[in-house]
C-alpha atoms as a PDB file:
ATOM      1  CA  UNK A   1    -165.003  63.590 130.735  1.00  0.00           C
ATOM      2  CA  UNK A   2    -161.609  64.961 129.672  1.00  0.00           C
ATOM      3  CA  UNK A   3    -159.775  62.124 127.871  1.00  0.00           C
ATOM      4  CA  UNK A   4    -156.480  63.994 128.266  1.00  0.00           C
ATOM      5  CA  UNK A   5    -156.820  63.997 132.048  1.00  0.00           C
ATOM      6  CA  UNK A   6    -157.214  60.222 132.005  1.00  0.00           C
ATOM      7  CA  UNK A   7    -153.869  59.834 130.242  1.00  0.00           C
ATOM      8  CA  UNK A   8    -151.806  61.663 132.844  1.00  0.00           C
ATOM      9  CA  UNK A   9    -151.443  62.228 136.553  1.00  0.00           C
ATOM     10  CA  UNK A  10    -149.411  64.366 138.928  1.00  0.00           C
ATOM     11  CA  UNK A  11    -146.443  63.019 140.857  1.00  0.00           C
ATOM     12  CA  UNK A  12    -144.542  64.460 143.786  1.00  0.00           C
ATOM     13  CA  UNK A  13    -140.803  65.167 143.601  1.00  0.00           C
ATOM     14  CA  UNK A  14    -139.036  62.980 146.166  1.00  0.00           C
ATOM     15  CA  UNK A  15    -135.378  63.906 145.613  1.00  0.00           C
ATOM     16  CA  UNK A  16    -133.247  66.289 143.573  1.00  0.00           C
ATOM     17  CA  UNK A  17    -129.494  66.391 143.045  1.00  0.00           C
ATOM     18  CA  UNK A  18    -127.398  68.972 141.196  1.00  0.00           C
ATOM     19  CA  UNK A  19    -124.347  67.420 139.511  1.00  0.00           C
ATOM     20  CA  UNK A  20    -123.099  70.669 137.964  1.00  0.00           C
ATOM     21  CA  UNK A  21    -124.580  74.044 136.961  1.00  0.00           C
ATOM     22  CA  UNK A  22    -125.839  72.354 133.789  1.00  0.00           C
ATOM     23  CA  UNK A  23    -127.029  68.993 135.068  1.00  0.00           C
ATOM     24  CA  UNK A  24    -129.459  67.685 137.652  1.00  0.00           C
ATOM     25  CA  UNK A  25    -131.262  64.474 138.556  1.00  0.00           C
ATOM     26  CA  UNK A  26    -134.616  64.095 140.247  1.00  0.00           C
ATOM     27  CA  UNK A  27    -137.002  61.386 141.387  1.00  0.00           C
ATOM     28  CA  UNK A  28    -140.766  61.390 141.390  1.00  0.00           C
ATOM     29  CA  UNK A  29    -143.242  59.100 143.085  1.00  0.00           C
ATOM     30  CA  UNK A  30    -144.139  56.167 140.884  1.00  0.00           C
ATOM     31  CA  UNK A  31    -147.663  54.928 140.419  1.00  0.00           C
ATOM     32  CA  UNK A  32    -147.763  51.148 141.036  1.00  0.00           C
ATOM     33  CA  UNK A  33    -149.384  50.669 137.643  1.00  0.00           C
ATOM     34  CA  UNK A  34    -146.607  52.409 135.694  1.00  0.00           C
ATOM     35  CA  UNK A  35    -144.492  49.717 134.004  1.00  0.00           C
ATOM     36  CA  UNK A  36    -141.667  50.218 131.531  1.00  0.00           C
ATOM     37  CA  UNK A  37    -138.945  48.368 129.674  1.00  0.00           C
ATOM     38  CA  UNK A  38    -135.395  49.606 130.407  1.00  0.00           C
ATOM     39  CA  UNK A  39    -134.500  52.158 127.739  1.00  0.00           C
ATOM     40  CA  UNK A  40    -137.987  53.611 127.397  1.00  0.00           C
ATOM     41  CA  UNK A  41    -138.967  57.198 128.242  1.00  0.00           C
ATOM     42  CA  UNK A  42    -141.797  59.071 129.921  1.00  0.00           C
ATOM     43  CA  UNK A  43    -143.409  62.380 129.009  1.00  0.00           C
ATOM     44  CA  UNK A  44    -143.256  64.889 131.861  1.00  0.00           C
ATOM     45  CA  UNK A  45    -145.156  68.151 132.041  1.00  0.00           C
ATOM     46  CA  UNK A  46    -144.949  71.459 133.895  1.00  0.00           C
ATOM     47  CA  UNK A  47    -147.149  74.534 133.764  1.00  0.00           C
ATOM     48  CA  UNK A  48    -145.377  77.609 132.380  1.00  0.00           C
ATOM     49  CA  UNK A  49    -145.812  81.238 133.398  1.00  0.00           C
ATOM     50  CA  UNK A  50    -148.742  81.607 131.010  1.00  0.00           C
ATOM     51  CA  UNK A  51    -150.587  78.694 132.581  1.00  0.00           C
ATOM     52  CA  UNK A  52    -149.995  76.371 129.630  1.00  0.00           C
ATOM     53  CA  UNK A  53    -148.494  72.882 129.950  1.00  0.00           C
ATOM     54  CA  UNK A  54    -145.013  72.230 128.567  1.00  0.00           C
ATOM     55  CA  UNK A  55    -144.096  68.581 127.921  1.00  0.00           C
ATOM     56  CA  UNK A  56    -140.686  66.946 127.540  1.00  0.00           C
ATOM     57  CA  UNK A  57    -139.515  63.357 127.069  1.00  0.00           C
ATOM     58  CA  UNK A  58    -137.169  61.886 129.688  1.00  0.00           C
ATOM     59  CA  UNK A  59    -135.666  58.398 129.734  1.00  0.00           C
ATOM     60  CA  UNK A  60    -136.048  56.505 132.984  1.00  0.00           C
ATOM     61  CA  UNK A  61    -132.707  56.159 134.786  1.00  0.00           C
ATOM     62  CA  UNK A  62    -134.127  53.999 137.592  1.00  0.00           C
ATOM     63  CA  UNK A  63    -134.638  50.259 137.779  1.00  0.00           C
ATOM     64  CA  UNK A  64    -137.930  48.726 136.738  1.00  0.00           C
ATOM     65  CA  UNK A  65    -138.542  47.567 140.324  1.00  0.00           C
ATOM     66  CA  UNK A  66    -137.818  50.875 142.107  1.00  0.00           C
ATOM     67  CA  UNK A  67    -140.767  52.555 143.791  1.00  0.00           C
ATOM     68  CA  UNK A  68    -139.712  55.879 142.233  1.00  0.00           C
ATOM     69  CA  UNK A  69    -138.856  57.084 138.735  1.00  0.00           C
ATOM     70  CA  UNK A  70    -135.503  58.809 138.321  1.00  0.00           C
ATOM     71  CA  UNK A  71    -134.607  61.208 135.520  1.00  0.00           C
ATOM     72  CA  UNK A  72    -131.405  62.966 134.437  1.00  0.00           C
ATOM     73  CA  UNK A  73    -131.735  66.432 132.903  1.00  0.00           C
ATOM     74  CA  UNK A  74    -129.662  69.133 131.314  1.00  0.00           C
ATOM     75  CA  UNK A  75    -130.629  72.654 132.346  1.00  0.00           C
ATOM     76  CA  UNK A  76    -131.175  74.749 129.227  1.00  0.00           C
ATOM     77  CA  UNK A  77    -130.752  78.511 129.808  1.00  0.00           C
ATOM     78  CA  UNK A  78    -134.197  80.092 129.415  1.00  0.00           C
ATOM     79  CA  UNK A  79    -135.586  76.665 128.504  1.00  0.00           C
ATOM     80  CA  UNK A  80    -139.367  76.459 128.628  1.00  0.00           C
ATOM     81  CA  UNK A  81    -139.262  73.290 130.732  1.00  0.00           C
ATOM     82  CA  UNK A  82    -135.951  73.155 132.585  1.00  0.00           C
ATOM     83  CA  UNK A  83    -135.998  76.783 133.717  1.00  0.00           C
ATOM     84  CA  UNK A  84    -139.134  75.866 135.637  1.00  0.00           C
ATOM     85  CA  UNK A  85    -137.814  72.442 136.678  1.00  0.00           C
ATOM     86  CA  UNK A  86    -134.694  73.783 138.391  1.00  0.00           C
ATOM     87  CA  UNK A  87    -136.844  76.049 140.573  1.00  0.00           C
ATOM     88  CA  UNK A  88    -138.779  73.113 141.998  1.00  0.00           C
ATOM     89  CA  UNK A  89    -138.036  71.401 145.296  1.00  0.00           C
ATOM     90  CA  UNK A  90    -138.877  68.173 147.075  1.00  0.00           C
ATOM     91  CA  UNK A  91    -142.629  68.057 147.593  1.00  0.00           C
ATOM     92  CA  UNK A  92    -143.496  69.963 144.425  1.00  0.00           C
ATOM     93  CA  UNK A  93    -145.368  68.190 141.653  1.00  0.00           C
ATOM     94  CA  UNK A  94    -144.892  67.463 137.964  1.00  0.00           C
ATOM     95  CA  UNK A  95    -147.261  65.873 135.487  1.00  0.00           C
ATOM     96  CA  UNK A  96    -146.514  62.510 133.915  1.00  0.00           C
ATOM     97  CA  UNK A  97    -148.335  60.623 131.200  1.00  0.00           C
ATOM     98  CA  UNK A  98    -149.476  57.177 132.278  1.00  0.00           C
ATOM     99  CA  UNK A  99    -147.832  55.305 129.402  1.00  0.00           C
ATOM    100  CA  UNK A 100    -144.088  54.902 128.674  1.00  0.00           C
ATOM    101  CA  UNK A 101    -142.794  55.235 125.126  1.00  0.00           C
ATOM    102  CA  UNK A 102    -139.914  54.169 122.924  1.00  0.00           C
ATOM    103  CA  UNK A 103    -138.119  51.229 121.370  1.00  0.00           C
ATOM    104  CA  UNK A 104    -134.564  51.951 122.547  1.00  0.00           C
ATOM    105  CA  UNK A 105    -134.362  48.586 124.261  1.00  0.00           C
ATOM    106  CA  UNK A 106    -132.052  45.592 124.088  1.00  0.00           C
ATOM    107  CA  UNK A 107    -134.833  43.284 122.917  1.00  0.00           C
ATOM    108  CA  UNK A 108    -134.481  44.704 119.432  1.00  0.00           C
ATOM    109  CA  UNK A 109    -131.105  42.945 119.127  1.00  0.00           C
ATOM    110  CA  UNK A 110    -130.263  39.374 118.289  1.00  0.00           C
ATOM    111  CA  UNK A 111    -127.910  37.882 120.850  1.00  0.00           C
ATOM    112  CA  UNK A 112    -124.306  39.047 120.699  1.00  0.00           C
ATOM    113  CA  UNK A 113    -121.225  38.928 122.869  1.00  0.00           C
ATOM    114  CA  UNK A 114    -120.626  42.633 123.579  1.00  0.00           C
ATOM    115  CA  UNK A 115    -123.195  45.332 124.361  1.00  0.00           C
ATOM    116  CA  UNK A 116    -121.771  48.794 123.645  1.00  0.00           C
ATOM    117  CA  UNK A 117    -123.593  51.682 125.339  1.00  0.00           C
ATOM    118  CA  UNK A 118    -122.383  54.927 123.745  1.00  0.00           C
ATOM    119  CA  UNK A 119    -123.732  58.120 125.275  1.00  0.00           C
ATOM    120  CA  UNK A 120    -123.123  61.820 125.644  1.00  0.00           C
ATOM    121  CA  UNK A 121    -124.479  64.023 128.425  1.00  0.00           C
ATOM    122  CA  UNK A 122    -127.920  62.992 129.610  1.00  0.00           C
ATOM    123  CA  UNK A 123    -127.859  60.226 127.003  1.00  0.00           C
ATOM    124  CA  UNK A 124    -126.481  58.201 129.906  1.00  0.00           C
ATOM    125  CA  UNK A 125    -129.954  57.905 131.476  1.00  0.00           C
ATOM    126  CA  UNK A 126    -131.422  54.926 129.572  1.00  0.00           C
ATOM    127  CA  UNK A 127    -128.198  52.981 130.089  1.00  0.00           C
ATOM    128  CA  UNK A 128    -128.560  53.317 133.854  1.00  0.00           C
ATOM    129  CA  UNK A 129    -131.918  51.574 133.601  1.00  0.00           C
ATOM    130  CA  UNK A 130    -130.581  48.954 131.203  1.00  0.00           C
ATOM    131  CA  UNK A 131    -127.673  48.215 133.552  1.00  0.00           C
ATOM    132  CA  UNK A 132    -130.122  47.684 136.410  1.00  0.00           C
ATOM    133  CA  UNK A 133    -131.851  44.898 134.498  1.00  0.00           C
ATOM    134  CA  UNK A 134    -130.662  41.444 135.511  1.00  0.00           C
ATOM    135  CA  UNK A 135    -131.237  40.024 132.023  1.00  0.00           C
ATOM    136  CA  UNK A 136    -128.681  42.468 130.589  1.00  0.00           C
ATOM    137  CA  UNK A 137    -125.957  40.933 132.742  1.00  0.00           C
ATOM    138  CA  UNK A 138    -127.029  37.413 131.886  1.00  0.00           C
ATOM    139  CA  UNK A 139    -127.373  37.941 128.154  1.00  0.00           C
ATOM    140  CA  UNK A 140    -124.044  39.596 127.247  1.00  0.00           C
ATOM    141  CA  UNK A 141    -120.451  38.709 128.041  1.00  0.00           C
ATOM    142  CA  UNK A 142    -119.267  42.326 128.169  1.00  0.00           C
ATOM    143  CA  UNK A 143    -121.150  45.547 128.934  1.00  0.00           C
ATOM    144  CA  UNK A 144    -119.139  48.492 127.640  1.00  0.00           C
ATOM    145  CA  UNK A 145    -120.419  51.849 128.861  1.00  0.00           C
ATOM    146  CA  UNK A 146    -118.853  54.868 127.160  1.00  0.00           C
ATOM    147  CA  UNK A 147    -119.940  58.260 128.524  1.00  0.00           C
ATOM    148  CA  UNK A 148    -118.755  61.486 126.933  1.00  0.00           C
ATOM    149  CA  UNK A 149    -119.106  64.970 128.444  1.00  0.00           C
ATOM    150  CA  UNK A 150    -117.330  68.283 128.233  1.00  0.00           C
ATOM    151  CA  UNK A 151    -115.465  67.976 131.530  1.00  0.00           C
ATOM    152  CA  UNK A 152    -115.183  65.929 134.673  1.00  0.00           C
ATOM    153  CA  UNK A 153    -118.007  67.546 136.629  1.00  0.00           C
ATOM    154  CA  UNK A 154    -120.397  66.609 133.825  1.00  0.00           C
ATOM    155  CA  UNK A 155    -119.450  62.917 134.009  1.00  0.00           C
ATOM    156  CA  UNK A 156    -122.256  62.175 136.435  1.00  0.00           C
ATOM    157  CA  UNK A 157    -123.101  58.911 138.195  1.00  0.00           C
ATOM    158  CA  UNK A 158    -119.520  57.614 138.273  1.00  0.00           C
ATOM    159  CA  UNK A 159    -119.741  56.179 141.780  1.00  0.00           C
ATOM    160  CA  UNK A 160    -123.189  54.755 141.055  1.00  0.00           C
ATOM    161  CA  UNK A 161    -121.837  53.062 137.921  1.00  0.00           C
ATOM    162  CA  UNK A 162    -118.953  51.550 139.883  1.00  0.00           C
ATOM    163  CA  UNK A 163    -121.400  50.274 142.513  1.00  0.00           C
ATOM    164  CA  UNK A 164    -123.403  48.420 139.867  1.00  0.00           C
ATOM    165  CA  UNK A 165    -120.688  45.766 139.740  1.00  0.00           C
ATOM    166  CA  UNK A 166    -121.480  44.821 143.348  1.00  0.00           C
ATOM    167  CA  UNK A 167    -125.259  44.607 143.100  1.00  0.00           C
ATOM    168  CA  UNK A 168    -126.399  41.336 144.719  1.00  0.00           C
ATOM    169  CA  UNK A 169    -128.641  40.376 141.783  1.00  0.00           C
ATOM    170  CA  UNK A 170    -125.685  40.119 139.403  1.00  0.00           C
ATOM    171  CA  UNK A 171    -122.525  40.477 141.497  1.00  0.00           C
ATOM    172  CA  UNK A 172    -121.223  37.228 140.038  1.00  0.00           C
ATOM    173  CA  UNK A 173    -121.259  38.968 136.653  1.00  0.00           C
ATOM    174  CA  UNK A 174    -119.886  42.300 137.906  1.00  0.00           C
ATOM    175  CA  UNK A 175    -116.621  41.871 136.006  1.00  0.00           C
ATOM    176  CA  UNK A 176    -118.550  42.222 132.752  1.00  0.00           C
ATOM    177  CA  UNK A 177    -119.005  45.984 133.133  1.00  0.00           C
ATOM    178  CA  UNK A 178    -116.370  48.168 131.495  1.00  0.00           C
ATOM    179  CA  UNK A 179    -116.706  51.938 131.954  1.00  0.00           C
ATOM    180  CA  UNK A 180    -114.856  54.381 129.711  1.00  0.00           C
ATOM    181  CA  UNK A 181    -115.241  58.116 130.395  1.00  0.00           C
ATOM    182  CA  UNK A 182    -114.498  60.778 127.795  1.00  0.00           C
ATOM    183  CA  UNK A 183    -113.964  64.462 128.602  1.00  0.00           C
ATOM    184  CA  UNK A 184    -113.602  66.546 125.439  1.00  0.00           C
ATOM    185  CA  UNK A 185    -112.484  69.781 127.157  1.00  0.00           C
ATOM    186  CA  UNK A 186    -110.464  68.505 130.104  1.00  0.00           C
ATOM    187  CA  UNK A 187    -107.665  66.022 130.648  1.00  0.00           C
ATOM    188  CA  UNK A 188    -108.635  63.414 133.242  1.00  0.00           C
ATOM    189  CA  UNK A 189    -106.847  60.253 134.384  1.00  0.00           C
ATOM    190  CA  UNK A 190    -108.087  57.290 132.379  1.00  0.00           C
ATOM    191  CA  UNK A 191    -110.383  59.388 130.196  1.00  0.00           C
ATOM    192  CA  UNK A 192    -110.199  59.849 126.454  1.00  0.00           C
ATOM    193  CA  UNK A 193    -110.529  63.332 124.957  1.00  0.00           C
ATOM    194  CA  UNK A 194    -111.895  62.937 121.409  1.00  0.00           C
ATOM    195  CA  UNK A 195    -115.520  62.774 120.272  1.00  0.00           C
ATOM    196  CA  UNK A 196    -117.055  59.317 120.015  1.00  0.00           C
ATOM    197  CA  UNK A 197    -117.462  59.417 116.197  1.00  0.00           C
ATOM    198  CA  UNK A 198    -113.760  60.260 115.793  1.00  0.00           C
ATOM    199  CA  UNK A 199    -112.764  57.478 118.175  1.00  0.00           C
ATOM    200  CA  UNK A 200    -114.775  55.047 116.077  1.00  0.00           C
ATOM    201  CA  UNK A 201    -113.239  56.181 112.814  1.00  0.00           C
ATOM    202  CA  UNK A 202    -109.638  55.951 114.015  1.00  0.00           C
ATOM    203  CA  UNK A 203    -110.440  52.951 116.269  1.00  0.00           C
ATOM    204  CA  UNK A 204    -109.000  54.793 119.251  1.00  0.00           C
ATOM    205  CA  UNK A 205    -111.794  53.580 121.506  1.00  0.00           C
ATOM    206  CA  UNK A 206    -111.223  49.954 120.578  1.00  0.00           C
ATOM    207  CA  UNK A 207    -107.467  50.335 120.986  1.00  0.00           C
ATOM    208  CA  UNK A 208    -107.908  51.867 124.445  1.00  0.00           C
ATOM    209  CA  UNK A 209    -110.189  49.057 125.626  1.00  0.00           C
ATOM    210  CA  UNK A 210    -108.589  46.233 123.680  1.00  0.00           C
ATOM    211  CA  UNK A 211    -112.003  45.173 122.376  1.00  0.00           C
ATOM    212  CA  UNK A 212    -112.786  45.221 118.651  1.00  0.00           C
ATOM    213  CA  UNK A 213    -116.139  46.202 117.211  1.00  0.00           C
ATOM    214  CA  UNK A 214    -117.347  43.407 114.919  1.00  0.00           C
ATOM    215  CA  UNK A 215    -120.529  42.728 112.986  1.00  0.00           C
ATOM    216  CA  UNK A 216    -120.812  39.294 114.537  1.00  0.00           C
ATOM    217  CA  UNK A 217    -120.258  40.103 118.214  1.00  0.00           C
ATOM    218  CA  UNK A 218    -121.122  43.774 118.799  1.00  0.00           C
ATOM    219  CA  UNK A 219    -124.508  45.286 119.608  1.00  0.00           C
ATOM    220  CA  UNK A 220    -124.313  49.060 119.782  1.00  0.00           C
ATOM    221  CA  UNK A 221    -126.670  51.568 121.389  1.00  0.00           C
ATOM    222  CA  UNK A 222    -126.233  55.298 120.699  1.00  0.00           C
ATOM    223  CA  UNK A 223    -127.898  58.038 122.768  1.00  0.00           C
ATOM    224  CA  UNK A 224    -127.029  61.720 122.985  1.00  0.00           C
ATOM    225  CA  UNK A 225    -127.409  65.002 121.149  1.00  0.00           C
ATOM    226  CA  UNK A 226    -128.799  64.791 117.601  1.00  0.00           C
ATOM    227  CA  UNK A 227    -125.394  65.715 116.166  1.00  0.00           C
ATOM    228  CA  UNK A 228    -123.634  63.014 118.182  1.00  0.00           C
ATOM    229  CA  UNK A 229    -126.213  60.395 117.224  1.00  0.00           C
ATOM    230  CA  UNK A 230    -126.014  61.314 113.549  1.00  0.00           C
ATOM    231  CA  UNK A 231    -122.217  61.375 113.415  1.00  0.00           C
ATOM    232  CA  UNK A 232    -121.772  58.179 115.436  1.00  0.00           C
ATOM    233  CA  UNK A 233    -124.374  56.337 113.385  1.00  0.00           C
ATOM    234  CA  UNK A 234    -122.675  57.493 110.187  1.00  0.00           C
ATOM    235  CA  UNK A 235    -119.245  56.374 111.425  1.00  0.00           C
ATOM    236  CA  UNK A 236    -120.622  52.918 112.150  1.00  0.00           C
ATOM    237  CA  UNK A 237    -122.456  52.687 108.811  1.00  0.00           C
ATOM    238  CA  UNK A 238    -119.127  53.385 107.104  1.00  0.00           C
ATOM    239  CA  UNK A 239    -117.816  50.254 108.802  1.00  0.00           C
ATOM    240  CA  UNK A 240    -120.698  48.063 107.659  1.00  0.00           C
ATOM    241  CA  UNK A 241    -122.885  48.136 110.778  1.00  0.00           C
ATOM    242  CA  UNK A 242    -126.625  48.519 110.247  1.00  0.00           C
ATOM    243  CA  UNK A 243    -129.644  49.795 112.165  1.00  0.00           C
ATOM    244  CA  UNK A 244    -131.439  46.998 113.980  1.00  0.00           C
ATOM    245  CA  UNK A 245    -135.194  46.604 113.578  1.00  0.00           C
ATOM    246  CA  UNK A 246    -137.531  44.155 115.270  1.00  0.00           C
ATOM    247  CA  UNK A 247    -138.260  42.528 111.913  1.00  0.00           C
ATOM    248  CA  UNK A 248    -134.617  42.631 110.820  1.00  0.00           C
ATOM    249  CA  UNK A 249    -132.190  42.474 113.769  1.00  0.00           C
ATOM    250  CA  UNK A 250    -128.760  44.009 113.153  1.00  0.00           C
ATOM    251  CA  UNK A 251    -126.169  45.844 115.267  1.00  0.00           C
ATOM    252  CA  UNK A 252    -127.275  49.455 115.998  1.00  0.00           C
ATOM    253  CA  UNK A 253    -130.038  51.174 118.009  1.00  0.00           C
ATOM    254  CA  UNK A 254    -130.267  54.975 118.239  1.00  0.00           C
ATOM    255  CA  UNK A 255    -132.074  57.531 120.396  1.00  0.00           C
ATOM    256  CA  UNK A 256    -131.776  61.313 120.668  1.00  0.00           C
ATOM    257  CA  UNK A 257    -131.411  62.503 124.258  1.00  0.00           C
ATOM    258  CA  UNK A 258    -133.291  65.682 123.362  1.00  0.00           C
END
């Protein structure tokens, strides 16, 4: 028996949405036995033109109780995976491994007052799952979602983020969510324009929101491009924040979005 075949299955695409020429979201049917912790990722596979499988990691953007799995993807020109993905339609199939992966979860933190969710591009995806977890709303006093993209059309899920405040499971806590968009190449009402690492170094983000980052009260998640993650992590280290580990809880958790 092929052990590899036992570790994966095929799933049907249920829904696709194009946010911009560079960004799309899609949902696949979820096996009832697939369980994950918000912030984890799945490995998805497609067959390329040569008949070989190509695998990529995607964070779940859906809630743990949804009967589908939702993913948020950048479309890479001539990309081995996404060039094939963007040609698919509802009813087509992708492969998915049966086990979720990753430790980019809030349970690696000791309790704090403020949960900062700093993301660029598709680094938003795990935060959407985390913000659909009732315990997140119960555990923290403020949920500060900062999403950075090049321009307004790439700031996806804005209406969905606003609607989170009204969800019946945590509507009484809806005031806790603070959303701060950043568009680095376009001026938008209410949006900042500098990169996240720069806004941390000059404290422009904290000044805009009126919320300080402190070692005692802040728990900070960072997800985005490798350069963004590296630079943001470095900016926080310069201020005394440290990477949180299960055996030694601190203030920072990091994850590359690709």
